[in-house]
């Protein structure tokens, strides 16, 4: 099973859109996929037609100890399950502040549910912050995909994201690796997009081979600006169902193929920090 955290501390970069459409695209290829919505805004849940506000069957209840993971996940399409979120999830940060092992609540829940045998992929939509929910995702994940808008400030934020993955790798989850960076809201033909892409590739090529992003790549797939991607959530559908012939569907279909064919090898754990 591959467990992928979709992470960026900045909002509006295509994180939720990528989480939903990557999960849906993998399911369409016959993979058993569970999408875990870890954002209190619940946008991934709403995107796939789940309005979980006030429901006892949300991922918040798993963190609170009121439900098991198997009790909250819902089948929304063939091969595609969702563990939905709601606004109550925002309370998790305070409720777990003094809890022992608070970083491993999600990992433990997945292990108790024997998720390894039930799914081929778990995709986690992280909140737009480096919170305890994001750390839980990184502790449960084997790899990270970072959606990035090709702007100058996005490059500055990337360094913070990579520092976080390095810290988690050293102290909490030695299997964690950054598998790739996905350029979203891409404007073809612009000089800025090309320059940012070149800078990213040079940075990754010069990475320390012991860093958790040493095997990362900039995905060949580029998610172009497409109004259909913005419309799809209001219909509770992935882009593949809402507009199968659109550029958004083509771009995310290409990403799914890259993810399936380009799984990174998980090397031996790095030495723990002194």
Protein backbone atom coordinates (compact mmCIF):
# COMPACT_ATOMS: atom_id res chain seq x y z
CA UNK A 1 0.00 0.00 0.00
CA UNK A 2 1.19 3.49 -0.83
CA UNK A 3 0.20 6.21 1.61
CA UNK A 4 0.48 9.68 0.08
CA UNK A 5 0.18 12.99 1.91
CA UNK A 6 -0.77 15.94 -0.30
CA UNK A 7 0.78 18.84 1.55
CA UNK A 8 1.32 22.57 1.28
CA UNK A 9 0.99 25.09 4.09
CA UNK A 10 -0.25 27.69 1.59
CA UNK A 11 -3.89 27.69 0.54
CA UNK A 12 -5.15 28.07 -3.01
CA UNK A 13 -2.44 26.05 -4.73
CA UNK A 14 -4.55 23.09 -5.86
CA UNK A 15 -4.01 20.81 -2.87
CA UNK A 16 -7.60 19.66 -2.42
CA UNK A 17 -8.23 19.50 -6.16
CA UNK A 18 -5.16 17.30 -6.50
CA UNK A 19 -6.13 15.07 -3.56
CA UNK A 20 -9.62 14.44 -4.91
CA UNK A 21 -8.71 13.91 -8.54
CA UNK A 22 -5.62 11.82 -7.84
CA UNK A 23 -7.72 9.54 -5.60
CA UNK A 24 -10.56 9.38 -8.12
CA UNK A 25 -8.18 8.76 -11.01
CA UNK A 26 -6.45 5.91 -9.18
CA UNK A 27 -9.84 4.35 -8.38
CA UNK A 28 -10.82 4.53 -12.04
CA UNK A 29 -7.76 2.41 -12.81
CA UNK A 30 -9.01 -0.33 -10.50
CA UNK A 31 -6.94 0.62 -7.47
CA UNK A 32 -8.60 0.45 -4.05
CA UNK A 33 -8.27 4.00 -2.74
CA UNK A 34 -9.24 5.80 0.45
CA UNK A 35 -9.16 9.59 0.56
CA UNK A 36 -8.75 10.97 4.09
CA UNK A 37 -9.91 14.55 4.50
CA UNK A 38 -7.76 16.13 7.22
CA UNK A 39 -8.80 19.71 6.54
CA UNK A 40 -11.47 21.12 8.92
CA UNK A 41 -12.89 23.04 5.95
CA UNK A 42 -13.95 19.61 4.58
CA UNK A 43 -13.45 20.66 0.98
CA UNK A 44 -12.38 17.19 -0.19
CA UNK A 45 -15.50 15.69 1.38
CA UNK A 46 -17.77 18.29 -0.22
CA UNK A 47 -15.98 17.89 -3.55
CA UNK A 48 -17.14 14.25 -3.62
CA UNK A 49 -20.67 15.00 -2.46
CA UNK A 50 -20.37 14.35 1.29
CA UNK A 51 -21.87 16.92 3.65
CA UNK A 52 -20.65 15.60 7.00
CA UNK A 53 -21.36 18.62 9.23
CA UNK A 54 -22.79 17.37 12.52
CA UNK A 55 -22.33 13.71 11.59
CA UNK A 56 -20.74 11.38 14.15
CA UNK A 57 -18.98 9.53 11.35
CA UNK A 58 -16.06 11.81 10.52
CA UNK A 59 -12.30 11.60 10.85
CA UNK A 60 -12.60 13.90 13.87
CA UNK A 61 -14.28 11.07 15.77
CA UNK A 62 -11.30 8.85 15.00
CA UNK A 63 -8.97 11.41 16.59
CA UNK A 64 -11.37 11.82 19.52
CA UNK A 65 -11.60 8.06 20.06
CA UNK A 66 -15.33 7.84 19.39
CA UNK A 67 -15.16 5.85 16.12
CA UNK A 68 -12.81 3.47 14.38
CA UNK A 69 -11.46 4.25 10.93
CA UNK A 70 -13.64 1.53 9.40
CA UNK A 71 -16.74 3.12 10.92
CA UNK A 72 -16.19 6.54 9.33
CA UNK A 73 -15.01 5.71 5.82
CA UNK A 74 -17.71 5.83 3.14
CA UNK A 75 -17.82 4.28 -0.32
CA UNK A 76 -18.57 7.08 -2.80
CA UNK A 77 -17.62 5.46 -6.11
CA UNK A 78 -16.40 2.06 -7.21
CA UNK A 79 -13.01 1.48 -5.52
CA UNK A 80 -13.12 4.90 -3.84
CA UNK A 81 -13.75 5.51 -0.14
CA UNK A 82 -13.68 8.82 1.75
CA UNK A 83 -13.06 9.42 5.44
CA UNK A 84 -14.84 12.79 5.65
CA UNK A 85 -14.07 15.84 7.73
CA UNK A 86 -16.08 18.59 9.33
CA UNK A 87 -15.40 21.77 11.30
CA UNK A 88 -15.05 19.84 14.58
CA UNK A 89 -11.68 18.67 13.34
CA UNK A 90 -10.30 22.14 14.10
CA UNK A 91 -10.54 21.28 17.81
CA UNK A 92 -8.06 18.44 17.45
CA UNK A 93 -5.05 20.70 17.94
CA UNK A 94 -6.18 21.70 21.43
CA UNK A 95 -7.63 18.34 22.42
CA UNK A 96 -4.40 16.49 21.67
CA UNK A 97 -2.02 19.10 23.05
CA UNK A 98 -1.08 17.00 26.11
CA UNK A 99 -1.81 13.57 24.66
CA UNK A 100 1.00 11.04 24.63
CA UNK A 101 1.87 9.95 21.10
CA UNK A 102 -0.40 12.59 19.60
CA UNK A 103 1.58 12.51 16.34
CA UNK A 104 0.67 8.84 15.77
CA UNK A 105 -3.10 8.82 16.32
CA UNK A 106 -3.91 8.44 12.61
CA UNK A 107 -1.17 5.88 11.99
CA UNK A 108 -2.43 3.76 14.87
CA UNK A 109 -6.02 4.00 13.62
CA UNK A 110 -4.98 2.81 10.15
CA UNK A 111 -3.00 -0.08 11.63
CA UNK A 112 -5.96 -1.18 13.76
CA UNK A 113 -8.16 -1.09 10.64
CA UNK A 114 -5.62 -3.24 8.77
CA UNK A 115 -5.63 -0.62 6.01
CA UNK A 116 -2.57 -2.25 4.45
CA UNK A 117 -4.78 -5.17 3.37
CA UNK A 118 -7.85 -3.15 2.48
CA UNK A 119 -6.38 -0.50 0.18
CA UNK A 120 -3.78 -0.05 -2.53
CA UNK A 121 -3.54 3.70 -1.94
CA UNK A 122 -4.39 6.10 0.85
CA UNK A 123 -4.40 9.75 -0.16
CA UNK A 124 -4.48 12.37 2.61
CA UNK A 125 -5.57 15.94 2.01
CA UNK A 126 -3.64 17.92 4.63
CA UNK A 127 -4.81 21.25 6.02
CA UNK A 128 -3.07 24.43 4.81
CA UNK A 129 -0.92 24.65 7.94
CA UNK A 130 1.86 22.74 9.67
CA UNK A 131 -0.46 21.57 12.46
CA UNK A 132 -0.82 18.37 14.47
CA UNK A 133 -3.13 17.09 11.71
CA UNK A 134 -0.41 17.57 9.10
CA UNK A 135 2.15 15.91 11.38
CA UNK A 136 -0.23 12.97 11.82
CA UNK A 137 -0.46 12.65 8.04
CA UNK A 138 3.33 12.73 7.69
CA UNK A 139 3.76 10.10 10.39
CA UNK A 140 1.28 7.81 8.64
CA UNK A 141 2.57 8.47 5.10
CA UNK A 142 5.27 6.79 3.08
CA UNK A 143 5.51 9.67 0.64
CA UNK A 144 4.59 13.31 0.11
CA UNK A 145 3.42 15.10 -3.03
CA UNK A 146 3.67 18.89 -2.91
CA UNK A 147 1.32 20.88 -5.19
CA UNK A 148 2.94 24.18 -6.05
CA UNK A 149 1.85 27.21 -8.01
CA UNK A 150 4.78 28.35 -10.17
CA UNK A 151 5.28 31.74 -8.52
CA UNK A 152 8.31 33.24 -6.80
CA UNK A 153 6.85 33.13 -3.27
CA UNK A 154 5.93 29.46 -3.72
CA UNK A 155 9.63 28.65 -3.98
CA UNK A 156 10.28 30.37 -0.68
CA UNK A 157 7.51 28.37 1.02
CA UNK A 158 8.87 25.13 -0.41
CA UNK A 159 11.98 25.33 1.76
CA UNK A 160 9.83 25.36 4.91
CA UNK A 161 7.87 22.35 3.69
CA UNK A 162 11.05 20.41 3.00
CA UNK A 163 12.48 21.33 6.40
CA UNK A 164 9.34 19.89 7.98
CA UNK A 165 9.63 16.61 6.08
CA UNK A 166 13.30 16.37 7.09
CA UNK A 167 12.42 16.89 10.74
CA UNK A 168 9.64 14.30 10.64
CA UNK A 169 11.94 11.84 8.85
CA UNK A 170 14.66 12.19 11.46
CA UNK A 171 12.46 12.03 14.53
CA UNK A 172 9.12 10.37 13.76
CA UNK A 173 8.89 8.49 10.45
CA UNK A 174 12.13 7.35 8.88
CA UNK A 175 10.32 5.91 5.84
CA UNK A 176 8.91 9.28 4.74
CA UNK A 177 10.07 10.58 1.37
CA UNK A 178 9.03 13.42 -0.93
CA UNK A 179 8.13 11.70 -4.19
CA UNK A 180 7.34 14.74 -6.30
CA UNK A 181 6.35 18.34 -6.82
CA UNK A 182 3.27 19.04 -8.91
CA UNK A 183 2.88 22.35 -10.69
CA UNK A 184 -0.75 23.51 -10.53
CA UNK A 185 -2.56 26.53 -11.97
CA UNK A 186 0.05 26.35 -14.68
CA UNK A 187 0.02 28.96 -17.42
CA UNK A 188 1.64 27.52 -20.48
CA UNK A 189 3.96 29.73 -22.45
CA UNK A 190 4.78 32.17 -19.66
CA UNK A 191 8.38 32.93 -18.81
CA UNK A 192 7.73 32.85 -15.07
CA UNK A 193 6.35 29.31 -15.11
CA UNK A 194 9.32 28.09 -17.13
CA UNK A 195 11.81 29.85 -14.85
CA UNK A 196 10.25 28.44 -11.68
CA UNK A 197 10.28 24.94 -13.18
CA UNK A 198 13.96 25.27 -14.07
CA UNK A 199 14.78 26.51 -10.57
CA UNK A 200 12.94 23.59 -9.00
CA UNK A 201 14.76 21.04 -11.15
CA UNK A 202 18.16 22.56 -10.36
CA UNK A 203 17.35 22.57 -6.66
CA UNK A 204 16.30 18.91 -6.65
CA UNK A 205 19.32 17.85 -8.68
CA UNK A 206 21.61 19.53 -6.15
CA UNK A 207 19.89 17.97 -3.12
CA UNK A 208 21.79 16.09 -0.44
CA UNK A 209 21.39 12.36 -1.28
CA UNK A 210 20.48 11.75 2.39
CA UNK A 211 17.60 14.22 2.34
CA UNK A 212 14.02 12.88 2.18
CA UNK A 213 13.53 14.70 -1.14
CA UNK A 214 16.66 13.31 -2.83
CA UNK A 215 14.50 11.09 -5.10
CA UNK A 216 11.82 13.71 -5.71
CA UNK A 217 11.05 14.96 -9.17
CA UNK A 218 8.99 17.67 -10.75
CA UNK A 219 6.13 15.76 -12.34
CA UNK A 220 6.01 16.00 -16.11
CA UNK A 221 2.26 16.55 -15.78
CA UNK A 222 1.28 20.18 -15.44
CA UNK A 223 -2.17 21.05 -14.13
CA UNK A 224 -3.25 23.91 -16.35
CA UNK A 225 -5.74 26.56 -15.33
CA UNK A 226 -9.15 25.16 -16.25
CA UNK A 227 -12.57 26.47 -15.25
CA UNK A 228 -13.98 22.93 -15.20
CA UNK A 229 -11.73 22.10 -12.24
CA UNK A 230 -13.28 25.01 -10.35
CA UNK A 231 -16.83 23.99 -11.28
CA UNK A 232 -16.60 20.28 -10.43
CA UNK A 233 -16.85 20.59 -6.61
CA UNK A 234 -20.24 22.32 -6.80
CA UNK A 235 -21.56 19.19 -8.53
CA UNK A 236 -19.96 16.81 -6.01
CA UNK A 237 -17.89 15.15 -8.71
CA UNK A 238 -14.30 14.56 -9.66
CA UNK A 239 -13.10 16.13 -12.89
CA UNK A 240 -13.26 12.71 -14.58
CA UNK A 241 -17.01 12.51 -14.00
CA UNK A 242 -17.85 16.17 -14.41
CA UNK A 243 -15.85 17.03 -17.54
CA UNK A 244 -14.04 13.95 -18.87
CA UNK A 245 -12.89 15.70 -22.04
CA UNK A 246 -11.51 18.82 -20.37
CA UNK A 247 -7.88 19.78 -20.04
CA UNK A 248 -8.22 19.27 -16.28
CA UNK A 249 -9.24 15.66 -16.81
CA UNK A 250 -6.39 15.12 -19.26
CA UNK A 251 -3.83 16.68 -16.91
CA UNK A 252 -4.90 14.72 -13.85
CA UNK A 253 -5.12 11.55 -15.91
CA UNK A 254 -1.51 12.11 -16.87
CA UNK A 255 -0.57 12.63 -13.22
CA UNK A 256 -2.28 9.39 -12.20
CA UNK A 257 -0.23 7.51 -14.81
CA UNK A 258 2.97 9.07 -13.48
CA UNK A 259 2.13 8.21 -9.89
CA UNK A 260 1.26 4.61 -10.73
CA UNK A 261 4.38 4.06 -12.82
CA UNK A 262 6.78 6.10 -10.73
CA UNK A 263 6.58 4.78 -7.20
CA UNK A 264 9.79 5.54 -5.39
CA UNK A 265 11.78 2.88 -3.60
CA UNK A 266 11.75 3.34 0.16
CA UNK A 267 15.40 3.17 1.25
CA UNK A 268 16.73 2.00 4.58
CA UNK A 269 15.89 4.42 7.42
CA UNK A 270 18.16 7.38 7.89
CA UNK A 271 20.20 7.54 11.03
CA UNK A 272 18.38 9.22 13.88
CA UNK A 273 19.39 12.74 14.77
CA UNK A 274 21.84 12.97 17.65
